C-alpha atoms as a PDB file:
ATOM      1  CA  MET A   1     -60.110  26.285 -21.228  1.00  0.00           C
ATOM      2  CA  TYR A   2     -62.089  24.594 -17.713  1.00  0.00           C
ATOM      3  CA  VAL A   3     -62.697  27.811 -16.109  1.00  0.00           C
ATOM      4  CA  LEU A   4     -66.198  28.216 -16.671  1.00  0.00           C
ATOM      5  CA  LYS A   5     -67.318  24.582 -16.440  1.00  0.00           C
ATOM      6  CA  ASP A   6     -65.333  24.277 -13.145  1.00  0.00           C
ATOM      7  CA  ASN A   7     -66.472  27.812 -11.899  1.00  0.00           C
ATOM      8  CA  PHE A   8     -69.765  28.093 -13.265  1.00  0.00           C
ATOM      9  CA  ALA A   9     -71.515  29.221 -10.142  1.00  0.00           C
ATOM     10  CA  THR A  10     -68.708  31.765 -10.040  1.00  0.00           C
ATOM     11  CA  PHE A  11     -69.403  33.311 -12.996  1.00  0.00           C
ATOM     12  CA  ALA A  12     -73.368  32.263 -12.603  1.00  0.00           C
ATOM     13  CA  GLU A  13     -72.952  34.796  -9.263  1.00  0.00           C
ATOM     14  CA  GLY A  14     -70.671  37.476 -10.809  1.00  0.00           C
ATOM     15  CA  PHE A  15     -73.257  37.830 -13.395  1.00  0.00           C
ATOM     16  CA  LEU A  16     -76.483  37.904 -11.816  1.00  0.00           C
ATOM     17  CA  GLY A  17     -74.550  40.599  -9.567  1.00  0.00           C
ATOM     18  CA  THR A  18     -73.742  43.001 -12.422  1.00  0.00           C
ATOM     19  CA  LEU A  19     -77.385  42.269 -13.981  1.00  0.00           C
ATOM     20  CA  GLN A  20     -79.010  43.505 -11.250  1.00  0.00           C
ATOM     21  CA  LEU A  21     -76.740  46.239 -10.782  1.00  0.00           C
ATOM     22  CA  THR A  22     -77.433  47.465 -14.510  1.00  0.00           C
ATOM     23  CA  ILE A  23     -81.407  47.087 -13.940  1.00  0.00           C
ATOM     24  CA  TYR A  24     -81.805  48.815 -10.715  1.00  0.00           C
ATOM     25  CA  ALA A  25     -79.317  51.774 -11.426  1.00  0.00           C
ATOM     26  CA  SER A  26     -80.889  52.421 -14.913  1.00  0.00           C
ATOM     27  CA  ALA A  27     -84.664  52.532 -13.400  1.00  0.00           C
ATOM     28  CA  LEU A  28     -82.988  54.912 -10.639  1.00  0.00           C
ATOM     29  CA  ALA A  29     -80.625  56.607 -13.377  1.00  0.00           C
ATOM     30  CA  LEU A  30     -83.820  57.102 -16.208  1.00  0.00           C
ATOM     31  CA  VAL A  31     -86.354  58.348 -12.871  1.00  0.00           C
ATOM     32  CA  LEU A  32     -83.985  60.557 -11.591  1.00  0.00           C
ATOM     33  CA  GLY A  33     -82.707  62.023 -15.219  1.00  0.00           C
ATOM     34  CA  PHE A  34     -86.343  62.987 -16.217  1.00  0.00           C
ATOM     35  CA  LEU A  35     -86.570  64.654 -12.965  1.00  0.00           C
ATOM     36  CA  MET A  36     -83.732  66.675 -13.725  1.00  0.00           C
ATOM     37  CA  ALA A  37     -84.748  67.395 -17.096  1.00  0.00           C
ATOM     38  CA  SER A  38     -87.499  68.438 -16.188  1.00  0.00           C
ATOM     39  CA  PHE A  39     -86.071  71.090 -13.970  1.00  0.00           C
ATOM     40  CA  ARG A  40     -84.050  72.123 -16.291  1.00  0.00           C
ATOM     41  CA  VAL A  41     -86.452  73.263 -18.800  1.00  0.00           C
ATOM     42  CA  ALA A  42     -89.031  74.645 -15.768  1.00  0.00           C
ATOM     43  CA  PRO A  43     -89.939  78.108 -15.765  1.00  0.00           C
ATOM     44  CA  VAL A  44     -89.323  78.343 -11.616  1.00  0.00           C
ATOM     45  CA  GLY A  45     -85.381  79.619 -11.806  1.00  0.00           C
ATOM     46  CA  SER A  46     -84.476  77.138  -8.383  1.00  0.00           C
ATOM     47  CA  LEU A  47     -85.393  73.962 -10.260  1.00  0.00           C
ATOM     48  CA  ARG A  48     -83.352  75.290 -13.195  1.00  0.00           C
ATOM     49  CA  VAL A  49     -80.686  76.079 -10.937  1.00  0.00           C
ATOM     50  CA  PHE A  50     -80.762  72.752  -8.994  1.00  0.00           C
ATOM     51  CA  GLY A  51     -80.905  70.818 -12.188  1.00  0.00           C
ATOM     52  CA  THR A  52     -77.642  72.438 -13.603  1.00  0.00           C
ATOM     53  CA  VAL A  53     -75.833  72.086 -10.804  1.00  0.00           C
ATOM     54  CA  TRP A  54     -76.654  68.205 -10.593  1.00  0.00           C
ATOM     55  CA  VAL A  55     -75.881  67.516 -13.863  1.00  0.00           C
ATOM     56  CA  THR A  56     -72.510  69.932 -13.601  1.00  0.00           C
ATOM     57  CA  VAL A  57     -71.349  68.646 -10.349  1.00  0.00           C
ATOM     58  CA  LEU A  58     -71.950  65.045 -11.521  1.00  0.00           C
ATOM     59  CA  ARG A  59     -70.658  64.935 -15.126  1.00  0.00           C
ATOM     60  CA  ASN A  60     -67.635  66.711 -13.492  1.00  0.00           C
ATOM     61  CA  THR A  61     -66.765  64.075 -10.906  1.00  0.00           C
ATOM     62  CA  PRO A  62     -65.180  61.030 -11.719  1.00  0.00           C
ATOM     63  CA  LEU A  63     -67.285  57.558 -10.645  1.00  0.00           C
ATOM     64  CA  THR A  64     -64.756  56.375  -8.669  1.00  0.00           C
ATOM     65  CA  LEU A  65     -64.559  59.587  -6.279  1.00  0.00           C
ATOM     66  CA  LEU A  66     -68.383  59.386  -6.486  1.00  0.00           C
ATOM     67  CA  PHE A  67     -68.262  55.811  -5.172  1.00  0.00           C
ATOM     68  CA  PHE A  68     -65.967  56.900  -2.674  1.00  0.00           C
ATOM     69  CA  ALA A  69     -68.155  59.408  -1.653  1.00  0.00           C
ATOM     70  CA  VAL A  70     -71.301  57.453  -1.516  1.00  0.00           C
ATOM     71  CA  LEU A  71     -70.127  54.052   0.163  1.00  0.00           C
ATOM     72  CA  LEU A  72     -67.376  55.537   2.776  1.00  0.00           C
ATOM     73  CA  GLY A  73     -69.065  58.184   2.963  1.00  0.00           C
ATOM     74  CA  LEU A  74     -72.453  57.822   3.865  1.00  0.00           C
ATOM     75  CA  PRO A  75     -72.112  55.576   7.010  1.00  0.00           C
ATOM     76  CA  ARG A  76     -70.784  58.285   8.808  1.00  0.00           C
ATOM     77  CA  PHE A  77     -73.659  60.235   8.631  1.00  0.00           C
ATOM     78  CA  GLY A  78     -75.652  57.487  10.549  1.00  0.00           C
ATOM     79  CA  LEU A  79     -76.999  55.861   6.616  1.00  0.00           C
ATOM     80  CA  VAL A  80     -75.882  52.532   6.857  1.00  0.00           C
ATOM     81  CA  LEU A  81     -77.189  50.400   4.076  1.00  0.00           C
ATOM     82  CA  PRO A  82     -75.598  47.292   1.884  1.00  0.00           C
ATOM     83  CA  PHE A  83     -72.918  47.813  -0.405  1.00  0.00           C
ATOM     84  CA  GLN A  84     -74.806  46.984  -3.110  1.00  0.00           C
ATOM     85  CA  VAL A  85     -77.314  49.705  -2.872  1.00  0.00           C
ATOM     86  CA  PHE A  86     -74.773  52.533  -2.408  1.00  0.00           C
ATOM     87  CA  ALA A  87     -73.202  51.087  -5.524  1.00  0.00           C
ATOM     88  CA  ILE A  88     -76.780  51.364  -7.049  1.00  0.00           C
ATOM     89  CA  LEU A  89     -77.203  54.915  -6.127  1.00  0.00           C
ATOM     90  CA  ALA A  90     -73.552  56.348  -7.141  1.00  0.00           C
ATOM     91  CA  LEU A  91     -74.188  54.591 -10.634  1.00  0.00           C
ATOM     92  CA  GLY A  92     -77.522  56.067 -10.858  1.00  0.00           C
ATOM     93  CA  CYS A  93     -76.812  59.071  -9.592  1.00  0.00           C
ATOM     94  CA  TYR A  94     -73.711  59.465 -11.966  1.00  0.00           C
ATOM     95  CA  THR A  95     -76.046  58.093 -15.050  1.00  0.00           C
ATOM     96  CA  SER A  96     -78.733  60.639 -14.263  1.00  0.00           C
ATOM     97  CA  ALA A  97     -76.796  63.419 -15.323  1.00  0.00           C
ATOM     98  CA  PHE A  98     -76.288  62.204 -19.049  1.00  0.00           C
ATOM     99  CA  ILE A  99     -79.460  61.421 -19.197  1.00  0.00           C
ATOM    100  CA  CYS A 100     -80.732  64.438 -17.906  1.00  0.00           C
ATOM    101  CA  GLU A 101     -78.807  66.137 -20.762  1.00  0.00           C
ATOM    102  CA  ALA A 102     -79.978  63.772 -23.542  1.00  0.00           C
ATOM    103  CA  LEU A 103     -83.439  64.272 -22.864  1.00  0.00           C
ATOM    104  CA  ARG A 104     -83.103  67.679 -22.262  1.00  0.00           C
ATOM    105  CA  SER A 105     -81.365  67.601 -26.264  1.00  0.00           C
ATOM    106  CA  GLY A 106     -84.711  65.783 -27.354  1.00  0.00           C
ATOM    107  CA  ILE A 107     -86.484  68.494 -25.641  1.00  0.00           C
ATOM    108  CA  ASN A 108     -85.125  71.008 -27.897  1.00  0.00           C
ATOM    109  CA  THR A 109     -85.813  69.854 -31.235  1.00  0.00           C
ATOM    110  CA  VAL A 110     -89.317  69.907 -30.272  1.00  0.00           C
ATOM    111  CA  PRO A 111     -90.651  73.452 -32.285  1.00  0.00           C
ATOM    112  CA  LYS A 112     -90.921  76.210 -29.063  1.00  0.00           C
ATOM    113  CA  GLY A 113     -93.936  76.774 -31.146  1.00  0.00           C
ATOM    114  CA  GLN A 114     -96.169  73.635 -30.321  1.00  0.00           C
ATOM    115  CA  GLY A 115     -95.354  74.148 -26.444  1.00  0.00           C
ATOM    116  CA  GLU A 116     -96.752  77.827 -26.728  1.00  0.00           C
ATOM    117  CA  ALA A 117     -99.422  76.369 -28.624  1.00  0.00           C
ATOM    118  CA  ALA A 118    -100.347  74.142 -25.588  1.00  0.00           C
ATOM    119  CA  ARG A 119    -100.190  76.793 -22.832  1.00  0.00           C
ATOM    120  CA  SER A 120    -102.677  78.929 -25.011  1.00  0.00           C
ATOM    121  CA  LEU A 121    -104.656  76.267 -25.313  1.00  0.00           C
ATOM    122  CA  GLY A 122    -104.616  76.597 -20.962  1.00  0.00           C
ATOM    123  CA  MET A 123    -102.469  73.652 -20.350  1.00  0.00           C
ATOM    124  CA  THR A 124    -100.067  73.933 -17.825  1.00  0.00           C
ATOM    125  CA  PHE A 125     -96.250  73.691 -17.715  1.00  0.00           C
ATOM    126  CA  ASN A 126     -96.618  69.702 -16.284  1.00  0.00           C
ATOM    127  CA  GLN A 127     -99.459  69.150 -19.080  1.00  0.00           C
ATOM    128  CA  THR A 128     -97.897  70.441 -22.176  1.00  0.00           C
ATOM    129  CA  LEU A 129     -94.686  68.464 -21.204  1.00  0.00           C
ATOM    130  CA  SER A 130     -95.974  64.955 -20.657  1.00  0.00           C
ATOM    131  CA  VAL A 131     -98.661  65.095 -23.307  1.00  0.00           C
ATOM    132  CA  VAL A 132     -96.762  67.747 -26.139  1.00  0.00           C
ATOM    133  CA  VAL A 133     -93.477  67.618 -25.991  1.00  0.00           C
ATOM    134  CA  LEU A 134     -91.789  64.426 -24.242  1.00  0.00           C
ATOM    135  CA  PRO A 135     -93.557  62.266 -27.096  1.00  0.00           C
ATOM    136  CA  GLN A 136     -91.627  63.816 -29.390  1.00  0.00           C
ATOM    137  CA  ALA A 137     -88.249  64.337 -27.751  1.00  0.00           C
ATOM    138  CA  PHE A 138     -88.823  60.323 -26.858  1.00  0.00           C
ATOM    139  CA  ARG A 139     -88.250  59.531 -30.343  1.00  0.00           C
ATOM    140  CA  SER A 140     -84.829  61.471 -30.756  1.00  0.00           C
ATOM    141  CA  VAL A 141     -83.260  60.257 -27.354  1.00  0.00           C
ATOM    142  CA  ILE A 142     -83.678  56.890 -27.776  1.00  0.00           C
ATOM    143  CA  PRO A 143     -80.126  56.161 -29.378  1.00  0.00           C
ATOM    144  CA  PRO A 144     -78.922  58.344 -26.767  1.00  0.00           C
ATOM    145  CA  VAL A 145     -79.900  56.914 -23.944  1.00  0.00           C
ATOM    146  CA  GLY A 146     -79.202  53.276 -25.143  1.00  0.00           C
ATOM    147  CA  SER A 147     -75.670  54.259 -25.107  1.00  0.00           C
ATOM    148  CA  THR A 148     -75.715  55.343 -21.888  1.00  0.00           C
ATOM    149  CA  LEU A 149     -77.321  52.903 -19.857  1.00  0.00           C
ATOM    150  CA  ILE A 150     -74.482  50.524 -21.765  1.00  0.00           C
ATOM    151  CA  ALA A 151     -71.857  52.498 -20.575  1.00  0.00           C
ATOM    152  CA  LEU A 152     -73.675  51.774 -17.114  1.00  0.00           C
ATOM    153  CA  ALA A 153     -73.345  48.440 -17.823  1.00  0.00           C
ATOM    154  CA  LYS A 154     -69.673  48.622 -18.290  1.00  0.00           C
ATOM    155  CA  ASN A 155     -69.462  51.839 -15.380  1.00  0.00           C
ATOM    156  CA  SER A 156     -70.860  48.797 -12.976  1.00  0.00           C
ATOM    157  CA  ALA A 157     -67.068  46.736 -12.710  1.00  0.00           C
ATOM    158  CA  ILE A 158     -66.318  49.735 -10.409  1.00  0.00           C
ATOM    159  CA  ALA A 159     -68.488  48.872  -7.754  1.00  0.00           C
ATOM    160  CA  GLY A 160     -66.276  44.995  -7.592  1.00  0.00           C
ATOM    161  CA  ALA A 161     -63.625  47.195  -5.715  1.00  0.00           C
ATOM    162  CA  PHE A 162     -65.754  48.229  -2.948  1.00  0.00           C
ATOM    163  CA  SER A 163     -67.029  44.775  -1.614  1.00  0.00           C
ATOM    164  CA  VAL A 164     -69.924  44.815  -3.974  1.00  0.00           C
ATOM    165  CA  THR A 165     -70.582  41.712  -6.073  1.00  0.00           C
ATOM    166  CA  GLU A 166     -70.398  41.756  -9.760  1.00  0.00           C
ATOM    167  CA  LEU A 167     -68.934  40.238 -13.088  1.00  0.00           C
ATOM    168  CA  LEU A 168     -65.263  41.467 -12.657  1.00  0.00           C
ATOM    169  CA  GLY A 169     -64.291  41.187  -9.493  1.00  0.00           C
ATOM    170  CA  THR A 170     -64.589  37.209 -10.413  1.00  0.00           C
ATOM    171  CA  TYR A 171     -60.983  37.024 -12.020  1.00  0.00           C
ATOM    172  CA  LYS A 172     -59.858  37.757  -8.668  1.00  0.00           C
ATOM    173  CA  THR A 173     -60.949  34.019  -6.299  1.00  0.00           C
ATOM    174  CA  LEU A 174     -59.896  32.623  -9.881  1.00  0.00           C
ATOM    175  CA  SER A 175     -56.856  33.933 -10.003  1.00  0.00           C
ATOM    176  CA  GLU A 176     -56.135  32.866  -6.664  1.00  0.00           C
ATOM    177  CA  LEU A 177     -57.135  29.538  -7.299  1.00  0.00           C
ATOM    178  CA  GLY A 178     -54.839  29.693 -10.067  1.00  0.00           C
ATOM    179  CA  TYR A 179     -56.676  29.536 -13.113  1.00  0.00           C
ATOM    180  CA  ASN A 180     -55.507  31.073 -16.595  1.00  0.00           C
ATOM    181  CA  ILE A 181     -56.520  34.876 -15.747  1.00  0.00           C
ATOM    182  CA  VAL A 182     -56.490  35.174 -20.006  1.00  0.00           C
ATOM    183  CA  TRP A 183     -59.209  32.832 -20.575  1.00  0.00           C
ATOM    184  CA  THR A 184     -61.246  34.214 -17.043  1.00  0.00           C
ATOM    185  CA  PHE A 185     -61.096  37.453 -18.379  1.00  0.00           C
ATOM    186  CA  PHE A 186     -62.254  36.080 -21.552  1.00  0.00           C
ATOM    187  CA  TRP A 187     -65.401  35.092 -20.145  1.00  0.00           C
ATOM    188  CA  ILE A 188     -65.902  37.535 -18.001  1.00  0.00           C
ATOM    189  CA  ALA A 189     -65.581  39.904 -20.899  1.00  0.00           C
ATOM    190  CA  ILE A 190     -68.347  37.627 -22.958  1.00  0.00           C
ATOM    191  CA  GLY A 191     -70.616  38.097 -19.753  1.00  0.00           C
ATOM    192  CA  TYR A 192     -70.679  41.510 -20.238  1.00  0.00           C
ATOM    193  CA  LEU A 193     -71.080  41.357 -23.824  1.00  0.00           C
ATOM    194  CA  ILE A 194     -74.805  39.402 -23.024  1.00  0.00           C
ATOM    195  CA  ILE A 195     -75.534  42.008 -20.902  1.00  0.00           C
ATOM    196  CA  THR A 196     -74.763  45.093 -23.278  1.00  0.00           C
ATOM    197  CA  LEU A 197     -76.035  43.215 -26.729  1.00  0.00           C
ATOM    198  CA  THR A 198     -79.332  42.567 -24.649  1.00  0.00           C
ATOM    199  CA  ILE A 199     -79.447  46.455 -23.909  1.00  0.00           C
ATOM    200  CA  SER A 200     -78.508  47.474 -27.675  1.00  0.00           C
ATOM    201  CA  ALA A 201     -81.359  45.053 -29.055  1.00  0.00           C
ATOM    202  CA  ILE A 202     -83.972  46.437 -26.602  1.00  0.00           C
ATOM    203  CA  PHE A 203     -83.258  49.714 -27.554  1.00  0.00           C
ATOM    204  CA  ASN A 204     -82.854  48.971 -31.337  1.00  0.00           C
ATOM    205  CA  LEU A 205     -86.700  47.780 -30.740  1.00  0.00           C
ATOM    206  CA  LEU A 206     -87.799  50.423 -29.435  1.00  0.00           C
ATOM    207  CA  GLU A 207     -86.218  53.455 -32.012  1.00  0.00           C
ATOM    208  CA  LYS A 208     -87.230  51.044 -34.947  1.00  0.00           C
ATOM    209  CA  ARG A 209     -90.676  51.487 -33.761  1.00  0.00           C
ATOM    210  CA  TRP A 210     -90.600  54.759 -32.141  1.00  0.00           C
ATOM    211  CA  GLY A 211     -87.360  56.331 -33.598  1.00  0.00           C
ATOM    212  CA  VAL A 212     -87.241  59.398 -36.010  1.00  0.00           C
ATOM    213  CA  PRO A 213     -86.850  58.020 -39.473  1.00  0.00           C
ATOM    214  CA  GLY A 214     -83.333  58.063 -40.759  1.00  0.00           C
END
């Protein structure tokens, strides 16, 4: 019962670690997801192929395997970075594939005639995508993108198995100290709830302001 009060610093460190992983990996996932979605609808064949391969490989690769590939594989090629950075790369790249598909689905909801009209006015592909298509697609992709980032926050728990400080990993330390494992996991769950409910609240506000009317 007193596990939180007696070990608040340990829980706080793990909570902040998970929060950092979530924020930085989400930013990376959104940037890469947007880029890959742009590639997948680009008029250049090589870009479409690259985007398709990116999404296909990452969506069908277990996240744990991707962690092994990034955290243990990249250093063998001379790329040595803090494990937290490697974890952000693994989480961000993996989640970007799902963000890409959500954005692409939103892009497909925009009538093709609008893109054709924009091109007839002399707009380039980039201008058409950024000025005409994406602002409309954004309205329909808010819920799935929010759900994907919530999944990212929960997936960050895998990082603890690779010596990265995060919330779930605190149970090992507290278990060794003899604290009740049930109460330990209870407070860990509360920490994840705080993060995921915050993400949900943010996207609910975005949906109320810019989402497609129900």
